[in-house]
Each structure stands twice: as C-alpha cells, then as structure tokens.
C-alpha cells in the first residue's frame, strides 16, 4: 500500500502540492508539501514507503509523516487522528483496519499530564547575503507594481491603495523564464547551500511571479532590509488548488509585526490576523494607532519580540480568519482563538463582521477603523427619561450605545435598550426579492440588566453596510425589529 498516505493527503484531506525531494534513504523516498493543518509551503515531510506503528504495520498500511511547524509526526492512522480530529478507532475504520479485542481495550486510568508551559520562539534571521538579495528583489518589484494596473486594483480592493502599497513596500515581481511565470536564480546569490535530490544536485531556486509581500527589519548595521519575502501568485498560475502564496527559500519564519506609530508598542491595542496583507490593511486604516501582528496561520503564535509587546498590551483583538466549518462544525479560526484566550487574559475574539478576513471585509463595505474602534470600551451615557414605546428610526448619537426612545410620561419601569454586535449569531440569512440568500452580520438587543431580549438584524448597528438598514426596514415594515 505504498503511496497511500499521499493519496489520503491529496484526495481525502484536500492538501495538494507535494513534490519528491529525495529519491532514497533510510526511510525511502521523501516528499514535501503543505501541512493539512497549519498550511505552509514545504514544512510537511512524507515518507510513503516507511512502516508506521504496530496497528498500521499489521494491516499493511505504510507511510509516515512529520510537520516541522506543528512538531507532530506519526503514521497514516495518526494522520487522520491529527488532521481530521478522529478517534483512533474511527481512523482505523476509515482505513478499513480491523482491530482486535485487545486493541479496543481501554487503557488504565492515569492522572492527566500537566499542560506544557508555552515559551515564545526565537526565530533566526536570514544571512546578510540573503537579506541583500531579497531586498534587491523587493525594491525591483516596487517599481514594477506602479505599471501593473490589475495589481494596484487588487490591493486597493483589499484596503491597500497606492499610498499603503508604497508605505509597506509591496511590489510585483515579473517572470523571465520560458513561460514568463517566474525566474530561476542561483542559490548561491542568496547564500543558500545546494540541495541534493538523490544523485542530482539542485543549484538554482525558482521564484514565481506575483505580488511581493516583504517583511522588513534591520540588518546587523541597522539598515532596513527584508527578512521575509512572500509572493501572492497570479490566479492564472495556480494549478488545480495549488498554492496561492509561496515564500522565498531562506525567509525568516517569525510573525510580521506592524507596531503602532503614535503610542508605545507595549501600551497599544494589538490586532492579530492571519495574512500579512490583512495586517497591513488594518494598520493603514487605523493610521498606525494600533499594533498588528500577522500570524500566517490560525495556529501561528507570537515570537519573543511580539510576546514582549502583547504581554503588556491593554487589549488584544484576535481576528483569525472565519473559514468554513469542518464536518463537525468546528472553525479553524475558533480553534486558534482558544489558544489566545488561554494565554492572554486581555485577549478578545473580534472577527470581521463580513467576509472571512479584513481584506474581504473591506471589499464588502466594512470600515476597518470603525470595526477596531467598536471593540474598545465605550463611555456609558444615560438616556433621557421617556416613556417606553416606539423605538426611534434615528441612529444613536456618536459615542453612545443607548437607543433613543420616543414619547413622554413617567419612566419608572423603563428599560434602556442597547445594540451590540453579536459573535454568537454570526451570520443572518436574509431572503432577497429574487430568492437569493445574502449573509449579513447579526446583532442582538439587550436590556441594561444583561438579559437578551431579541436576536436579529439591527438597523442602527454601525457595522451594517450602507443601505442595508433601509432594505431591512422596507422588507420588515419597521426599524430595529
């Protein structure tokens, strides 16, 4: 059953793009590609011909794996347990492995092991030679972006107009190979050693064309240089669910940090997102008043530098992607949030109200600066004493959460109603006249005592796209209901 593990990765787990990197060795041929859990480029290693554990060997199921990022490894059974969240028995059932009665016997009860103490990673920086070559590429790409109308339009649609693209050093790298889809460069230019693939020696590195996303830092002389370079490939170059993003070999793996510019980095509110472009969009929209960290994946964690800021930050807004739920209804972004919740007491889950990430939210009409500001504590204002009755069609005044109430008379039993954005009722399906279901953010109205009184779409919520409040009011015949 050699090759089964690759078939499972490609067809069962939907993780494609594996390539053979060695043709032989103690474990047999070695393949590399993206991890089905944390993603990445080539951090996941597979040995299709190596035998696994006892149950797998007995059933003739061959193949092992190891993810350098997750630091998890195992055989085919353990792959399903890790990537799909199956139990050992369910994983064996998926693989048509029959377990003996002894194999099904539960283990003796043991005291649970203590949770390991998390320690932030210190990521090594690339060599000076690598930084010099990568910086040269990034600067070349910056000049090319100015003449690429499609690239500028794409970035602007994700909250990064030309001013932002220039501020963060974004660019477009052209290709000069036969197909014009990339370029080959000697590995020695970047100070990288040659790669051995069996009897062959690889002396070049392939760099795809696309939008360049540099992560800037300082070199040993204090000069601004590139520490990581990721490339967002063109849609036409991505073959059958291929990788959208490719990282230049030798790049630093540390998360991208965009510190605030108007307040100390360890005293500012920080926003945690996944992608670098999303981090730049939030940072730019807020005028540098907040710090932003791009974790790269929903499992990404702060390094030493980021932890130094986050540990002292008054608030951390965790805005990991809202990806589609798996078969069990779990969302990867939520699973990632649980780590932040347990690690930082000041962390607050704050996904974007529309779309899966800040970049998509901008295209759907969300103001990122208002979205961030909406998570900050608001000053409570007392509503004027009026009779409980019809809720006004006018939105509340700036800076208050109190709805305006119409009418007069006594207010002894009045309940002041406030509108808050709801994460629990995330998507609300509204049927349009043509029968198409559209997804809009939901809100809930609660009393001063905290009792939830109504769940639905609220017309006065600041997160509603322009014109949506009028649409809802017209369809329902009233406002705020």
Protein backbone atom coordinates (compact mmCIF):
# COMPACT_ATOMS: atom_id res chain seq x y z
CA UNK A 1 0.00 0.00 0.00
CA UNK A 2 2.92 2.29 -0.72
CA UNK A 3 1.74 5.75 -1.75
CA UNK A 4 -1.48 5.51 0.27
CA UNK A 5 -0.51 8.40 2.52
CA UNK A 6 -0.02 10.71 -0.47
CA UNK A 7 -3.41 9.68 -1.84
CA UNK A 8 -5.01 10.49 1.52
CA UNK A 9 -3.31 13.88 1.68
CA UNK A 10 -4.31 14.80 -1.87
CA UNK A 11 -7.81 13.38 -2.16
CA UNK A 12 -9.11 12.85 1.37
CA UNK A 13 -7.62 15.83 3.17
CA UNK A 14 -7.51 18.13 0.13
CA UNK A 15 -3.90 19.16 0.75
CA UNK A 16 -2.10 19.22 -2.60
CA UNK A 17 1.25 20.26 -3.99
CA UNK A 18 3.60 17.53 -2.72
CA UNK A 19 6.89 17.03 -4.51
CA UNK A 20 9.61 14.42 -4.15
CA UNK A 21 12.73 15.95 -2.61
CA UNK A 22 14.86 12.80 -2.25
CA UNK A 23 14.74 9.54 -4.16
CA UNK A 24 16.05 7.31 -1.40
CA UNK A 25 17.47 7.00 2.08
CA UNK A 26 16.95 5.05 5.32
CA UNK A 27 13.23 5.92 5.24
CA UNK A 28 12.80 5.62 1.49
CA UNK A 29 11.82 8.47 -0.87
CA UNK A 30 10.93 11.73 0.87
CA UNK A 31 8.17 14.11 -0.24
CA UNK A 32 7.49 17.68 0.90
CA UNK A 33 4.44 19.92 0.78
CA UNK A 34 1.91 21.87 2.85
CA UNK A 35 0.70 20.63 6.22
CA UNK A 36 -3.04 19.79 6.11
CA UNK A 37 -3.42 21.52 9.49
CA UNK A 38 -1.12 24.55 9.59
CA UNK A 39 -0.53 25.03 5.84
CA UNK A 40 2.88 26.36 4.86
CA UNK A 41 4.92 25.55 1.78
CA UNK A 42 7.21 22.57 2.36
CA UNK A 43 7.24 22.16 6.14
CA UNK A 44 5.35 18.84 5.93
CA UNK A 45 7.52 15.79 5.13
CA UNK A 46 6.17 12.43 3.99
CA UNK A 47 7.86 9.02 3.66
CA UNK A 48 5.35 6.84 1.72
CA UNK A 49 7.45 3.65 1.99
CA UNK A 50 8.26 3.75 5.72
CA UNK A 51 6.37 1.45 8.07
CA UNK A 52 4.34 3.04 10.86
CA UNK A 53 3.15 1.82 14.25
CA UNK A 54 2.01 -1.67 15.25
CA UNK A 55 -1.62 -1.41 14.10
CA UNK A 56 -0.62 0.12 10.77
CA UNK A 57 2.12 -2.48 10.15
CA UNK A 58 -0.21 -5.34 10.97
CA UNK A 59 -2.77 -4.05 8.45
CA UNK A 60 -0.12 -3.38 5.81
CA UNK A 61 -0.79 0.39 5.86
CA UNK A 62 2.54 2.02 5.06
CA UNK A 63 3.62 5.65 5.29
CA UNK A 64 4.84 8.17 7.89
CA UNK A 65 4.87 11.96 8.17
CA UNK A 66 6.31 14.85 10.17
CA UNK A 67 5.36 18.56 10.30
CA UNK A 68 8.28 20.78 11.30
CA UNK A 69 5.93 23.64 12.24
CA UNK A 70 3.41 21.69 14.33
CA UNK A 71 6.16 19.34 15.56
CA UNK A 72 3.77 16.41 15.16
CA UNK A 73 4.55 13.10 13.48
CA UNK A 74 3.18 9.60 13.06
CA UNK A 75 1.81 7.03 10.64
CA UNK A 76 -1.30 7.07 8.42
CA UNK A 77 -3.66 6.35 11.32
CA UNK A 78 -2.23 9.18 13.38
CA UNK A 79 -2.51 11.48 10.36
CA UNK A 80 -6.29 11.08 10.33
CA UNK A 81 -6.41 11.49 14.10
CA UNK A 82 -4.48 14.75 13.89
CA UNK A 83 -5.79 16.29 10.66
CA UNK A 84 -9.44 15.19 10.91
CA UNK A 85 -9.87 15.04 14.68
CA UNK A 86 -10.95 11.39 14.56
CA UNK A 87 -10.54 8.95 17.39
CA UNK A 88 -8.06 6.11 16.92
CA UNK A 89 -10.93 3.64 16.39
CA UNK A 90 -12.69 5.91 13.86
CA UNK A 91 -9.43 6.47 11.99
CA UNK A 92 -8.91 2.71 11.71
CA UNK A 93 -12.49 2.33 10.50
CA UNK A 94 -11.84 4.91 7.76
CA UNK A 95 -8.79 2.92 6.66
CA UNK A 96 -10.67 -0.41 6.79
CA UNK A 97 -8.38 -1.67 9.56
CA UNK A 98 -9.93 -4.31 11.80
CA UNK A 99 -8.97 -4.01 15.44
CA UNK A 100 -8.69 -6.97 17.76
CA UNK A 101 -10.49 -7.03 21.09
CA UNK A 102 -7.21 -6.31 22.82
CA UNK A 103 -6.67 -3.25 20.65
CA UNK A 104 -10.07 -1.93 21.67
CA UNK A 105 -9.44 -2.41 25.40
CA UNK A 106 -9.30 0.99 27.19
CA UNK A 107 -6.07 1.97 28.84
CA UNK A 108 -5.74 2.15 32.61
CA UNK A 109 -6.77 5.45 34.11
CA UNK A 110 -3.88 7.84 34.63
CA UNK A 111 -3.62 11.30 36.05
CA UNK A 112 -3.74 13.85 33.22
CA UNK A 113 -0.38 15.28 32.29
CA UNK A 114 0.22 18.90 33.17
CA UNK A 115 -0.19 21.33 30.29
CA UNK A 116 3.21 22.31 28.87
CA UNK A 117 4.36 25.83 29.55
CA UNK A 118 4.47 27.82 26.33
CA UNK A 119 7.73 29.60 25.53
CA UNK A 120 7.89 32.07 22.62
CA UNK A 121 10.23 31.09 19.82
CA UNK A 122 13.36 32.97 18.83
CA UNK A 123 13.45 32.77 15.03
CA UNK A 124 16.89 33.11 13.42
CA UNK A 125 17.30 35.85 10.83
CA UNK A 126 18.48 35.08 7.30
CA UNK A 127 22.11 35.67 6.44
CA UNK A 128 23.28 39.13 5.42
CA UNK A 129 23.75 37.83 1.88
CA UNK A 130 20.19 36.59 1.76
CA UNK A 131 18.83 39.88 3.11
CA UNK A 132 20.76 41.84 0.50
CA UNK A 133 19.47 39.71 -2.39
CA UNK A 134 15.87 39.67 -1.09
CA UNK A 135 15.89 43.45 -0.55
CA UNK A 136 17.06 43.93 -4.12
CA UNK A 137 14.16 41.79 -5.36
CA UNK A 138 11.65 43.71 -3.24
CA UNK A 139 12.86 47.10 -4.49
CA UNK A 140 12.74 45.91 -8.10
CA UNK A 141 9.19 44.68 -7.55
CA UNK A 142 8.10 48.03 -6.07
CA UNK A 143 8.96 49.78 -9.32
CA UNK A 144 7.10 47.17 -11.40
CA UNK A 145 3.92 47.49 -9.34
CA UNK A 146 3.41 51.10 -10.45
CA UNK A 147 2.77 49.92 -14.01
CA UNK A 148 0.55 46.97 -13.10
CA UNK A 149 -3.00 48.30 -13.09
CA UNK A 150 -4.55 44.93 -12.19
CA UNK A 151 -2.24 44.55 -9.18
CA UNK A 152 -2.99 48.04 -7.87
CA UNK A 153 -6.72 47.41 -8.28
CA UNK A 154 -6.47 44.10 -6.42
CA UNK A 155 -4.63 45.68 -3.49
CA UNK A 156 -6.97 48.69 -3.36
CA UNK A 157 -9.92 46.31 -3.17
CA UNK A 158 -8.38 44.82 -0.02
CA UNK A 159 -7.86 48.14 1.72
CA UNK A 160 -4.37 48.88 0.38
CA UNK A 161 -4.39 51.82 -2.06
CA UNK A 162 -1.22 53.03 -3.75
CA UNK A 163 -0.20 55.06 -0.69
CA UNK A 164 -0.41 51.95 1.51
CA UNK A 165 1.39 49.77 -1.06
CA UNK A 166 4.28 52.22 -1.07
CA UNK A 167 4.25 52.56 2.73
CA UNK A 168 4.64 48.82 3.27
CA UNK A 169 6.90 48.17 0.29
CA UNK A 170 4.56 45.97 -1.73
CA UNK A 171 5.51 45.19 -5.30
CA UNK A 172 5.09 42.98 -8.33
CA UNK A 173 7.80 40.59 -9.46
CA UNK A 174 7.85 39.69 -13.14
CA UNK A 175 9.00 36.39 -14.61
CA UNK A 176 11.78 35.82 -17.12
CA UNK A 177 11.67 32.03 -17.62
CA UNK A 178 10.39 30.43 -20.84
CA UNK A 179 6.73 30.77 -19.83
CA UNK A 180 7.19 34.11 -18.09
CA UNK A 181 5.73 32.69 -14.86
CA UNK A 182 8.82 33.09 -12.71
CA UNK A 183 12.57 33.27 -12.66
CA UNK A 184 15.46 30.98 -11.78
CA UNK A 185 18.34 32.34 -9.71
CA UNK A 186 21.46 30.64 -8.32
CA UNK A 187 21.02 29.57 -4.72
CA UNK A 188 24.47 30.98 -4.03
CA UNK A 189 23.11 34.50 -4.68
CA UNK A 190 21.05 34.13 -1.51
CA UNK A 191 23.78 32.34 0.40
CA UNK A 192 21.79 29.10 0.33
CA UNK A 193 23.55 25.73 0.02
CA UNK A 194 22.81 23.45 -2.90
CA UNK A 195 20.09 20.82 -2.41
CA UNK A 196 20.74 17.15 -3.02
CA UNK A 197 17.96 15.13 -4.63
CA UNK A 198 19.30 11.62 -4.82
CA UNK A 199 22.02 11.69 -7.46
CA UNK A 200 21.09 15.22 -8.58
CA UNK A 201 22.28 18.50 -7.10
CA UNK A 202 19.94 21.49 -7.27
CA UNK A 203 21.88 24.73 -7.65
CA UNK A 204 19.05 27.13 -8.51
CA UNK A 205 15.95 28.49 -6.83
CA UNK A 206 12.67 29.20 -8.63
CA UNK A 207 10.85 32.41 -7.73
CA UNK A 208 7.27 32.76 -9.03
CA UNK A 209 5.89 35.98 -10.44
CA UNK A 210 3.27 37.79 -8.40
CA UNK A 211 2.66 40.43 -5.75
CA UNK A 212 5.59 40.59 -3.34
CA UNK A 213 4.86 40.97 0.37
CA UNK A 214 8.07 41.82 2.24
CA UNK A 215 8.56 41.66 5.98
CA UNK A 216 11.03 44.41 6.83
CA UNK A 217 13.58 44.61 9.60
CA UNK A 218 17.11 45.81 10.24
CA UNK A 219 20.33 44.11 9.30
CA UNK A 220 23.43 43.95 11.51
CA UNK A 221 24.34 47.51 10.51
CA UNK A 222 20.95 48.91 11.39
CA UNK A 223 19.91 49.33 7.76
CA UNK A 224 16.35 48.49 6.67
CA UNK A 225 16.28 45.16 4.86
CA UNK A 226 13.93 42.30 4.00
CA UNK A 227 13.72 39.43 6.48
CA UNK A 228 10.97 37.52 4.70
CA UNK A 229 9.51 37.66 1.20
CA UNK A 230 6.19 36.04 0.36
CA UNK A 231 4.68 36.15 -3.10
CA UNK A 232 0.97 36.15 -3.87
CA UNK A 233 0.86 34.29 -7.18
CA UNK A 234 -1.42 35.19 -10.07
CA UNK A 235 -4.66 33.25 -10.34
CA UNK A 236 -3.67 32.05 -13.81
CA UNK A 237 -0.52 30.42 -12.40
CA UNK A 238 -2.21 28.42 -9.66
CA UNK A 239 -2.78 24.91 -10.94
CA UNK A 240 -5.73 22.92 -9.59
CA UNK A 241 -5.81 24.16 -5.97
CA UNK A 242 -2.12 24.99 -5.98
CA UNK A 243 -0.51 27.34 -3.50
CA UNK A 244 -1.66 30.95 -3.66
CA UNK A 245 1.33 32.08 -1.64
CA UNK A 246 4.94 30.99 -1.89
CA UNK A 247 7.68 32.01 0.49
CA UNK A 248 11.17 32.67 -0.78
CA UNK A 249 13.50 29.94 0.46
CA UNK A 250 15.54 31.05 3.44
CA UNK A 251 12.93 33.53 4.73
CA UNK A 252 12.55 34.16 8.45
CA UNK A 253 9.51 32.36 9.91
CA UNK A 254 8.72 34.96 12.59
CA UNK A 255 5.27 36.60 12.50
CA UNK A 256 5.02 40.01 10.85
CA UNK A 257 4.80 42.88 13.33
CA UNK A 258 3.49 46.34 12.44
CA UNK A 259 3.99 48.38 15.62
CA UNK A 260 1.90 51.50 16.28
CA UNK A 261 3.43 54.83 15.30
CA UNK A 262 1.69 57.17 17.75
CA UNK A 263 1.91 55.21 21.01
CA UNK A 264 4.40 52.89 22.70
CA UNK A 265 4.20 49.38 21.23
CA UNK A 266 3.69 47.74 24.64
CA UNK A 267 0.86 50.13 25.59
CA UNK A 268 -1.21 49.99 22.42
CA UNK A 269 -4.15 47.82 21.44
CA UNK A 270 -2.94 45.00 19.19
CA UNK A 271 -4.88 43.20 16.47
CA UNK A 272 -3.96 39.63 15.48
CA UNK A 273 -4.79 38.47 11.94
CA UNK A 274 -3.50 35.67 9.74
CA UNK A 275 -2.31 37.19 6.46
CA UNK A 276 0.25 39.96 6.02
CA UNK A 277 -1.95 41.88 3.56
CA UNK A 278 -4.75 41.88 6.14
CA UNK A 279 -2.34 43.14 8.79
CA UNK A 280 -1.29 45.99 6.52
CA UNK A 281 -4.91 46.89 5.72
CA UNK A 282 -5.83 47.14 9.42
CA UNK A 283 -2.68 49.06 10.30
CA UNK A 284 -3.21 51.51 7.43
CA UNK A 285 -6.93 52.01 8.15
CA UNK A 286 -6.18 52.83 11.79
CA UNK A 287 -3.45 55.30 10.87
CA UNK A 288 -0.85 53.37 12.85
CA UNK A 289 -2.73 53.90 16.13
CA UNK A 290 -2.77 50.16 16.85
CA UNK A 291 -0.21 47.40 16.55
CA UNK A 292 -0.94 44.49 14.24
CA UNK A 293 0.54 41.00 14.09
CA UNK A 294 0.19 38.62 11.13
CA UNK A 295 0.37 35.06 12.46
CA UNK A 296 0.38 33.49 8.93
CA UNK A 297 -1.88 30.60 10.04
CA UNK A 298 -4.63 30.15 12.60
CA UNK A 299 -2.11 28.17 14.67
CA UNK A 300 0.53 30.89 14.45
CA UNK A 301 1.93 32.15 17.72
CA UNK A 302 3.94 35.21 18.79
CA UNK A 303 7.70 35.09 18.81
CA UNK A 304 9.82 36.65 21.55
CA UNK A 305 9.52 40.18 20.19
CA UNK A 306 5.76 40.01 19.68
CA UNK A 307 5.20 38.47 23.12
CA UNK A 308 7.10 41.34 24.72
CA UNK A 309 4.52 43.78 23.33
CA UNK A 310 1.42 41.61 23.68
CA UNK A 311 2.04 40.64 27.29
CA UNK A 312 1.77 44.32 28.32
CA UNK A 313 -0.90 45.39 25.83
CA UNK A 314 -4.19 46.53 27.43
CA UNK A 315 -6.22 44.64 24.80
CA UNK A 316 -5.56 42.06 22.09
CA UNK A 317 -8.19 41.70 19.37
CA UNK A 318 -7.92 38.23 17.86
CA UNK A 319 -9.31 38.37 14.32
CA UNK A 320 -8.33 34.99 12.87
CA UNK A 321 -9.99 34.00 9.59
CA UNK A 322 -13.60 32.84 9.55
CA UNK A 323 -13.03 29.79 7.37
CA UNK A 324 -15.78 27.32 6.55
CA UNK A 325 -16.62 24.86 9.31
CA UNK A 326 -15.50 21.26 9.04
CA UNK A 327 -17.78 18.22 9.16
CA UNK A 328 -18.06 18.56 12.94
CA UNK A 329 -18.96 22.23 12.73
CA UNK A 330 -15.60 23.45 14.04
CA UNK A 331 -13.99 26.53 12.54
CA UNK A 332 -10.18 26.64 12.40
CA UNK A 333 -10.16 30.30 13.45
CA UNK A 334 -12.10 29.46 16.59
CA UNK A 335 -9.73 26.63 17.44
CA UNK A 336 -6.85 29.07 17.08
CA UNK A 337 -8.65 31.59 19.29
CA UNK A 338 -8.80 29.12 22.18
CA UNK A 339 -5.01 29.26 22.49
CA UNK A 340 -5.03 33.07 22.64
CA UNK A 341 -7.84 33.04 25.19
CA UNK A 342 -5.87 30.75 27.49
CA UNK A 343 -2.55 32.51 27.01
CA UNK A 344 -3.52 36.19 27.29
CA UNK A 345 -6.18 37.35 29.75
CA UNK A 346 -6.69 40.60 27.81
CA UNK A 347 -7.40 38.79 24.52
CA UNK A 348 -10.81 39.33 22.94
CA UNK A 349 -12.23 37.44 19.99
CA UNK A 350 -13.12 40.03 17.35
CA UNK A 351 -13.55 38.62 13.83
CA UNK A 352 -14.58 40.91 10.99
CA UNK A 353 -18.36 41.38 10.63
CA UNK A 354 -18.37 40.43 6.94
CA UNK A 355 -16.15 38.12 4.91
CA UNK A 356 -13.55 35.78 6.32
CA UNK A 357 -10.74 38.30 6.91
CA UNK A 358 -10.13 42.08 6.97
CA UNK A 359 -9.19 42.13 3.29
CA UNK A 360 -12.50 40.59 2.24
CA UNK A 361 -14.38 42.78 4.72
CA UNK A 362 -13.12 45.94 3.01
CA UNK A 363 -14.50 44.71 -0.30
CA UNK A 364 -17.88 44.18 1.39
CA UNK A 365 -18.01 47.75 2.68
CA UNK A 366 -16.64 47.37 6.21
CA UNK A 367 -14.72 50.32 7.65
CA UNK A 368 -11.79 48.63 9.41
CA UNK A 369 -11.07 51.60 11.64
CA UNK A 370 -14.66 51.62 12.93
CA UNK A 371 -14.52 47.85 13.31
CA UNK A 372 -11.47 48.09 15.58
CA UNK A 373 -12.90 51.07 17.47
CA UNK A 374 -16.11 49.11 18.04
CA UNK A 375 -14.21 46.67 20.27
CA UNK A 376 -12.91 49.37 22.59
CA UNK A 377 -14.74 50.23 25.83
CA UNK A 378 -17.36 52.93 25.31
CA UNK A 379 -18.43 55.59 27.73
CA UNK A 380 -21.91 54.90 29.03
CA UNK A 381 -24.42 57.73 28.61
CA UNK A 382 -27.77 57.87 30.39
CA UNK A 383 -30.81 58.03 28.15
CA UNK A 384 -33.36 60.79 28.78
CA UNK A 385 -36.31 59.70 30.92
CA UNK A 386 -39.06 58.95 28.41
CA UNK A 387 -41.94 56.58 28.08
CA UNK A 388 -41.14 53.10 26.84
CA UNK A 389 -42.75 52.87 23.44
CA UNK A 390 -41.74 53.16 19.83
CA UNK A 391 -38.05 52.93 19.09
CA UNK A 392 -36.80 55.86 17.03
CA UNK A 393 -35.72 55.39 13.42
CA UNK A 394 -32.75 57.66 14.05
CA UNK A 395 -29.41 56.02 14.88
CA UNK A 396 -27.87 56.82 18.28
CA UNK A 397 -25.52 59.75 18.55
CA UNK A 398 -21.78 59.18 18.13
CA UNK A 399 -20.13 57.56 21.11
CA UNK A 400 -23.26 56.18 22.76
CA UNK A 401 -24.87 52.76 22.72
CA UNK A 402 -28.23 53.99 24.02
CA UNK A 403 -31.19 53.83 21.67
CA UNK A 404 -33.42 56.92 21.54
CA UNK A 405 -36.97 56.34 22.74
CA UNK A 406 -39.98 58.34 21.61
CA UNK A 407 -42.90 59.58 23.72
CA UNK A 408 -43.35 61.18 27.10
CA UNK A 409 -44.57 60.42 30.60
CA UNK A 410 -43.19 58.54 33.53
CA UNK A 411 -40.10 56.32 33.15
CA UNK A 412 -40.10 54.40 36.41
CA UNK A 413 -40.17 50.98 34.71
CA UNK A 414 -38.18 51.96 31.64
CA UNK A 415 -35.63 49.54 30.20
CA UNK A 416 -32.93 51.25 28.15
CA UNK A 417 -32.10 49.10 25.13
CA UNK A 418 -28.61 48.98 23.68
CA UNK A 419 -27.30 47.49 20.47
CA UNK A 420 -24.23 45.31 20.48
CA UNK A 421 -22.53 43.36 17.72
CA UNK A 422 -23.07 39.66 18.21
CA UNK A 423 -20.47 36.97 17.60
CA UNK A 424 -22.77 34.21 18.77
CA UNK A 425 -25.32 34.85 16.00
CA UNK A 426 -22.68 35.45 13.39
CA UNK A 427 -24.49 35.09 10.08
CA UNK A 428 -28.09 36.03 9.48
CA UNK A 429 -29.76 34.81 6.31
CA UNK A 430 -31.95 37.43 4.69
CA UNK A 431 -34.04 36.41 1.67
CA UNK A 432 -33.89 38.97 -1.07
CA UNK A 433 -36.70 39.58 -3.54
CA UNK A 434 -35.05 37.30 -6.08
CA UNK A 435 -34.87 34.46 -3.57
CA UNK A 436 -31.09 34.67 -3.14
CA UNK A 437 -29.79 34.30 0.41
CA UNK A 438 -27.38 37.03 1.45
CA UNK A 439 -25.23 36.92 4.56
CA UNK A 440 -25.25 39.94 6.85
CA UNK A 441 -23.91 40.47 10.38
CA UNK A 442 -26.41 39.88 13.16
CA UNK A 443 -26.89 41.93 16.30
CA UNK A 444 -28.75 41.40 19.48
CA UNK A 445 -30.61 43.89 21.66
CA UNK A 446 -30.13 43.54 25.38
CA UNK A 447 -31.57 45.28 28.42
CA UNK A 448 -29.48 47.15 30.97
CA UNK A 449 -29.67 44.08 33.17
CA UNK A 450 -27.94 41.96 30.57
CA UNK A 451 -30.99 39.93 29.57
CA UNK A 452 -31.10 39.20 25.86
CA UNK A 453 -34.45 40.44 24.56
CA UNK A 454 -34.19 39.99 20.81
CA UNK A 455 -31.92 38.45 18.20
CA UNK A 456 -31.92 39.61 14.60
CA UNK A 457 -30.67 42.31 12.29
CA UNK A 458 -30.46 45.73 13.86
CA UNK A 459 -30.77 48.72 11.56
CA UNK A 460 -28.80 51.09 13.77
CA UNK A 461 -25.69 48.95 14.12
CA UNK A 462 -22.59 50.75 12.87
CA UNK A 463 -21.34 47.59 11.17
CA UNK A 464 -24.21 47.32 8.71
CA UNK A 465 -23.21 48.11 5.10
CA UNK A 466 -24.59 51.34 3.71
CA UNK A 467 -28.17 50.92 2.52
CA UNK A 468 -28.77 47.65 4.38
CA UNK A 469 -30.71 49.33 7.18
CA UNK A 470 -33.17 50.83 4.70
CA UNK A 471 -33.54 47.47 2.94
CA UNK A 472 -34.36 45.68 6.17
CA UNK A 473 -36.75 48.41 7.27
CA UNK A 474 -38.58 48.28 3.95
CA UNK A 475 -38.87 44.49 3.96
CA UNK A 476 -39.98 44.28 7.57
CA UNK A 477 -42.11 47.37 7.64
CA UNK A 478 -40.40 48.84 10.71
CA UNK A 479 -36.98 49.77 12.06
CA UNK A 480 -34.92 47.98 14.66
CA UNK A 481 -37.13 44.91 14.82
